[in-house]
Amino acid sequence: MRRTHLAFLLASALSVGIPASAFAVEGDQVDGRGVDFIGGKFTFTSTATGAADRANGSFKYTVTNNDPNGRILGNVTCQRIVGNAAVLGGVITSSNVPFNSVGQPFQVFVNDEAKPGDGADDFNWFASGPVGAPPVCGVSSQFEANIQDGDIVIDPA
């Protein structure tokens, strides 16, 4: 009886499947540049490879309230798009900002809410783990805020 029950549960779980939004379609693209709610300048680009949530892209964030300005660069390695929201993940490749180290994973959370220049698009990012931890592209639960200037474009293929 136990084996039959276990087999039924396994078959049921497999028949449900994974929602299409869990995997990126090759060519799905997320791009943005602008000024965030605290005055930091950002630019990023990401294109899905079609292999699960894998992506290729870049991320740059400039902390403008430091002298000299702080700069964080990273490679985007994963992305997820759900409607007008996207999560990008990657690894920091260069940083002169304390507590943001080379090799540390990061996440970028964005919403494409409006036409360019309307200031209604949302953006936030954070370093998401210790050096050497893998990048994660989970569902956004992070706080995003309206950008002051710029545009975010989420373009499913």
C-alpha atoms as a PDB file:
ATOM      1  CA  MET A   1       0.000   0.000   0.000  1.00  0.00           C
ATOM      2  CA  ARG A   2       2.812   2.428   0.874  1.00  0.00           C
ATOM      3  CA  ARG A   3       4.576   1.881  -2.463  1.00  0.00           C
ATOM      4  CA  THR A   4       1.342   2.422  -4.386  1.00  0.00           C
ATOM      5  CA  HIS A   5       0.640   5.604  -2.454  1.00  0.00           C
ATOM      6  CA  LEU A   6       4.200   6.870  -2.993  1.00  0.00           C
ATOM      7  CA  ALA A   7       4.053   6.078  -6.712  1.00  0.00           C
ATOM      8  CA  PHE A   8       0.715   7.913  -7.020  1.00  0.00           C
ATOM      9  CA  LEU A   9       2.113  10.997  -5.259  1.00  0.00           C
ATOM     10  CA  LEU A  10       5.219  10.999  -7.449  1.00  0.00           C
ATOM     11  CA  ALA A  11       3.169  10.630 -10.646  1.00  0.00           C
ATOM     12  CA  SER A  12       0.825  13.415  -9.514  1.00  0.00           C
ATOM     13  CA  ALA A  13       3.720  15.743  -8.756  1.00  0.00           C
ATOM     14  CA  LEU A  14       5.317  15.106 -12.147  1.00  0.00           C
ATOM     15  CA  SER A  15       2.054  15.653 -14.017  1.00  0.00           C
ATOM     16  CA  VAL A  16       1.640  19.121 -12.514  1.00  0.00           C
ATOM     17  CA  GLY A  17       4.894  20.238 -14.118  1.00  0.00           C
ATOM     18  CA  ILE A  18       6.807  23.463 -13.751  1.00  0.00           C
ATOM     19  CA  PRO A  19       5.103  26.652 -14.895  1.00  0.00           C
ATOM     20  CA  ALA A  20       6.447  28.090 -18.135  1.00  0.00           C
ATOM     21  CA  SER A  21       7.363  31.312 -16.329  1.00  0.00           C
ATOM     22  CA  ALA A  22       9.887  29.375 -14.223  1.00  0.00           C
ATOM     23  CA  PHE A  23      12.193  29.054 -17.238  1.00  0.00           C
ATOM     24  CA  ALA A  24      13.459  31.804 -19.491  1.00  0.00           C
ATOM     25  CA  VAL A  25      12.810  31.534 -23.214  1.00  0.00           C
ATOM     26  CA  GLU A  26      15.905  32.017 -25.352  1.00  0.00           C
ATOM     27  CA  GLY A  27      16.073  35.675 -26.308  1.00  0.00           C
ATOM     28  CA  ASP A  28      13.996  37.046 -23.389  1.00  0.00           C
ATOM     29  CA  GLN A  29      15.666  40.353 -22.595  1.00  0.00           C
ATOM     30  CA  VAL A  30      15.766  42.725 -19.630  1.00  0.00           C
ATOM     31  CA  ASP A  31      17.559  46.067 -19.960  1.00  0.00           C
ATOM     32  CA  GLY A  32      17.693  49.220 -17.917  1.00  0.00           C
ATOM     33  CA  ARG A  33      19.586  52.317 -17.014  1.00  0.00           C
ATOM     34  CA  GLY A  34      18.881  55.267 -14.836  1.00  0.00           C
ATOM     35  CA  VAL A  35      19.058  56.764 -11.377  1.00  0.00           C
ATOM     36  CA  ASP A  36      17.533  54.952  -8.413  1.00  0.00           C
ATOM     37  CA  PHE A  37      15.617  56.359  -5.438  1.00  0.00           C
ATOM     38  CA  ILE A  38      18.818  57.177  -3.487  1.00  0.00           C
ATOM     39  CA  GLY A  39      20.663  58.727  -6.428  1.00  0.00           C
ATOM     40  CA  GLY A  40      22.742  55.694  -7.441  1.00  0.00           C
ATOM     41  CA  LYS A  41      23.291  55.211 -11.160  1.00  0.00           C
ATOM     42  CA  PHE A  42      22.583  51.794 -12.664  1.00  0.00           C
ATOM     43  CA  THR A  43      22.817  50.055 -15.989  1.00  0.00           C
ATOM     44  CA  PHE A  44      22.173  46.408 -16.796  1.00  0.00           C
ATOM     45  CA  THR A  45      21.411  44.097 -19.666  1.00  0.00           C
ATOM     46  CA  SER A  46      20.447  40.436 -19.658  1.00  0.00           C
ATOM     47  CA  THR A  47      19.474  37.978 -22.377  1.00  0.00           C
ATOM     48  CA  ALA A  48      18.127  34.498 -21.632  1.00  0.00           C
ATOM     49  CA  THR A  49      20.017  31.554 -23.109  1.00  0.00           C
ATOM     50  CA  GLY A  50      17.006  29.216 -23.114  1.00  0.00           C
ATOM     51  CA  ALA A  51      18.638  26.802 -20.644  1.00  0.00           C
ATOM     52  CA  ALA A  52      16.397  26.944 -17.515  1.00  0.00           C
ATOM     53  CA  ASP A  53      16.910  30.399 -15.941  1.00  0.00           C
ATOM     54  CA  ARG A  54      20.416  30.932 -17.392  1.00  0.00           C
ATOM     55  CA  ALA A  55      21.260  34.292 -18.960  1.00  0.00           C
ATOM     56  CA  ASN A  56      24.191  36.365 -20.165  1.00  0.00           C
ATOM     57  CA  GLY A  57      24.576  40.009 -19.297  1.00  0.00           C
ATOM     58  CA  SER A  58      26.194  42.728 -17.255  1.00  0.00           C
ATOM     59  CA  PHE A  59      25.384  44.965 -14.289  1.00  0.00           C
ATOM     60  CA  LYS A  60      26.938  48.245 -13.167  1.00  0.00           C
ATOM     61  CA  TYR A  61      25.996  50.324 -10.138  1.00  0.00           C
ATOM     62  CA  THR A  62      27.630  53.616  -9.158  1.00  0.00           C
ATOM     63  CA  VAL A  63      27.297  54.898  -5.604  1.00  0.00           C
ATOM     64  CA  THR A  64      27.221  58.654  -6.095  1.00  0.00           C
ATOM     65  CA  ASN A  65      27.185  59.752  -2.447  1.00  0.00           C
ATOM     66  CA  ASN A  66      30.793  58.592  -1.871  1.00  0.00           C
ATOM     67  CA  ASP A  67      33.919  60.558  -2.731  1.00  0.00           C
ATOM     68  CA  PRO A  68      35.246  59.075  -4.888  1.00  0.00           C
ATOM     69  CA  ASN A  69      32.171  57.397  -6.333  1.00  0.00           C
ATOM     70  CA  GLY A  70      31.846  53.708  -5.564  1.00  0.00           C
ATOM     71  CA  ARG A  71      31.499  51.314  -8.474  1.00  0.00           C
ATOM     72  CA  ILE A  72      30.228  47.744  -8.577  1.00  0.00           C
ATOM     73  CA  LEU A  73      30.373  45.617 -11.730  1.00  0.00           C
ATOM     74  CA  GLY A  74      28.951  42.156 -12.209  1.00  0.00           C
ATOM     75  CA  ASN A  75      28.148  39.427 -14.697  1.00  0.00           C
ATOM     76  CA  VAL A  76      24.469  38.487 -14.957  1.00  0.00           C
ATOM     77  CA  THR A  77      24.084  34.700 -15.100  1.00  0.00           C
ATOM     78  CA  CYS A  78      20.349  34.121 -14.528  1.00  0.00           C
ATOM     79  CA  GLN A  79      16.999  35.852 -15.024  1.00  0.00           C
ATOM     80  CA  ARG A  80      13.317  35.235 -14.419  1.00  0.00           C
ATOM     81  CA  ILE A  81      10.455  37.219 -15.903  1.00  0.00           C
ATOM     82  CA  VAL A  82       6.928  37.125 -14.508  1.00  0.00           C
ATOM     83  CA  GLY A  83       4.610  39.587 -16.232  1.00  0.00           C
ATOM     84  CA  ASN A  84       6.135  43.061 -16.002  1.00  0.00           C
ATOM     85  CA  ALA A  85       8.588  42.045 -13.235  1.00  0.00           C
ATOM     86  CA  ALA A  86      12.030  40.474 -13.515  1.00  0.00           C
ATOM     87  CA  VAL A  87      14.742  39.185 -11.218  1.00  0.00           C
ATOM     88  CA  LEU A  88      18.356  39.028 -12.393  1.00  0.00           C
ATOM     89  CA  GLY A  89      21.163  37.282 -10.555  1.00  0.00           C
ATOM     90  CA  GLY A  90      24.895  37.203 -10.986  1.00  0.00           C
ATOM     91  CA  VAL A  91      28.318  37.594  -9.450  1.00  0.00           C
ATOM     92  CA  ILE A  92      30.239  40.785  -8.598  1.00  0.00           C
ATOM     93  CA  THR A  93      33.398  40.992 -10.736  1.00  0.00           C
ATOM     94  CA  SER A  94      34.772  44.349  -9.556  1.00  0.00           C
ATOM     95  CA  SER A  95      34.012  46.588  -6.574  1.00  0.00           C
ATOM     96  CA  ASN A  96      35.555  49.430  -4.611  1.00  0.00           C
ATOM     97  CA  VAL A  97      32.587  49.557  -2.230  1.00  0.00           C
ATOM     98  CA  PRO A  98      32.945  48.061   1.275  1.00  0.00           C
ATOM     99  CA  PHE A  99      30.748  45.002   1.949  1.00  0.00           C
ATOM    100  CA  ASN A 100      30.319  44.321  -1.800  1.00  0.00           C
ATOM    101  CA  SER A 101      33.146  41.906  -2.627  1.00  0.00           C
ATOM    102  CA  VAL A 102      34.372  40.322  -5.829  1.00  0.00           C
ATOM    103  CA  GLY A 103      32.854  36.842  -6.078  1.00  0.00           C
ATOM    104  CA  GLN A 104      29.755  37.763  -4.061  1.00  0.00           C
ATOM    105  CA  PRO A 105      26.368  36.993  -5.679  1.00  0.00           C
ATOM    106  CA  PHE A 106      23.858  39.789  -6.291  1.00  0.00           C
ATOM    107  CA  GLN A 107      20.210  40.131  -7.268  1.00  0.00           C
ATOM    108  CA  VAL A 108      18.488  42.899  -9.239  1.00  0.00           C
ATOM    109  CA  PHE A 109      14.722  43.391  -8.920  1.00  0.00           C
ATOM    110  CA  VAL A 110      12.860  45.459 -11.530  1.00  0.00           C
ATOM    111  CA  ASN A 111       9.348  46.300 -12.701  1.00  0.00           C
ATOM    112  CA  ASP A 112       8.587  47.778 -16.126  1.00  0.00           C
ATOM    113  CA  GLU A 113       5.654  49.993 -15.146  1.00  0.00           C
ATOM    114  CA  ALA A 114       5.587  52.868 -17.613  1.00  0.00           C
ATOM    115  CA  LYS A 115       6.865  54.649 -20.679  1.00  0.00           C
ATOM    116  CA  PRO A 116      10.464  55.940 -20.659  1.00  0.00           C
ATOM    117  CA  GLY A 117      10.950  58.998 -18.466  1.00  0.00           C
ATOM    118  CA  ASP A 118       7.688  58.605 -16.507  1.00  0.00           C
ATOM    119  CA  GLY A 119       9.648  57.613 -13.396  1.00  0.00           C
ATOM    120  CA  ALA A 120       7.224  54.816 -12.556  1.00  0.00           C
ATOM    121  CA  ASP A 121       9.577  51.885 -13.276  1.00  0.00           C
ATOM    122  CA  ASP A 122      10.939  50.171 -10.170  1.00  0.00           C
ATOM    123  CA  PHE A 123      14.502  49.068  -9.349  1.00  0.00           C
ATOM    124  CA  ASN A 124      16.507  47.737  -6.445  1.00  0.00           C
ATOM    125  CA  TRP A 125      19.511  45.484  -6.011  1.00  0.00           C
ATOM    126  CA  PHE A 126      21.500  43.895  -3.218  1.00  0.00           C
ATOM    127  CA  ALA A 127      24.430  41.561  -2.634  1.00  0.00           C
ATOM    128  CA  SER A 128      22.670  38.303  -1.841  1.00  0.00           C
ATOM    129  CA  GLY A 129      25.174  36.037  -0.132  1.00  0.00           C
ATOM    130  CA  PRO A 130      28.746  35.317   0.852  1.00  0.00           C
ATOM    131  CA  VAL A 131      31.633  35.185  -1.615  1.00  0.00           C
ATOM    132  CA  GLY A 132      31.455  31.968  -3.597  1.00  0.00           C
ATOM    133  CA  ALA A 133      27.727  31.354  -3.077  1.00  0.00           C
ATOM    134  CA  PRO A 134      25.808  30.681  -6.310  1.00  0.00           C
ATOM    135  CA  PRO A 135      23.637  33.422  -7.828  1.00  0.00           C
ATOM    136  CA  VAL A 136      19.901  33.027  -7.294  1.00  0.00           C
ATOM    137  CA  CYS A 137      16.998  34.227  -9.437  1.00  0.00           C
ATOM    138  CA  GLY A 138      14.055  33.670  -7.152  1.00  0.00           C
ATOM    139  CA  VAL A 139      10.685  35.330  -7.022  1.00  0.00           C
ATOM    140  CA  SER A 140      10.909  38.979  -6.037  1.00  0.00           C
ATOM    141  CA  SER A 141      10.045  39.733  -2.453  1.00  0.00           C
ATOM    142  CA  GLN A 142      12.568  42.524  -2.232  1.00  0.00           C
ATOM    143  CA  PHE A 143      11.528  46.166  -1.905  1.00  0.00           C
ATOM    144  CA  GLU A 144      11.637  48.009  -5.211  1.00  0.00           C
ATOM    145  CA  ALA A 145      11.202  51.758  -5.520  1.00  0.00           C
ATOM    146  CA  ASN A 146      10.456  54.143  -8.367  1.00  0.00           C
ATOM    147  CA  ILE A 147      13.498  55.275 -10.275  1.00  0.00           C
ATOM    148  CA  GLN A 148      14.177  59.017 -10.475  1.00  0.00           C
ATOM    149  CA  ASP A 149      15.251  58.905 -14.097  1.00  0.00           C
ATOM    150  CA  GLY A 150      15.770  56.342 -16.842  1.00  0.00           C
ATOM    151  CA  ASP A 151      13.924  53.339 -18.195  1.00  0.00           C
ATOM    152  CA  ILE A 152      13.572  49.622 -17.610  1.00  0.00           C
ATOM    153  CA  VAL A 153      12.445  47.367 -20.462  1.00  0.00           C
ATOM    154  CA  ILE A 154      11.320  43.778 -20.011  1.00  0.00           C
ATOM    155  CA  ASP A 155      10.977  42.136 -23.414  1.00  0.00           C
ATOM    156  CA  PRO A 156       9.869  38.492 -23.496  1.00  0.00           C
ATOM    157  CA  ALA A 157      10.847  36.820 -26.778  1.00  0.00           C
END
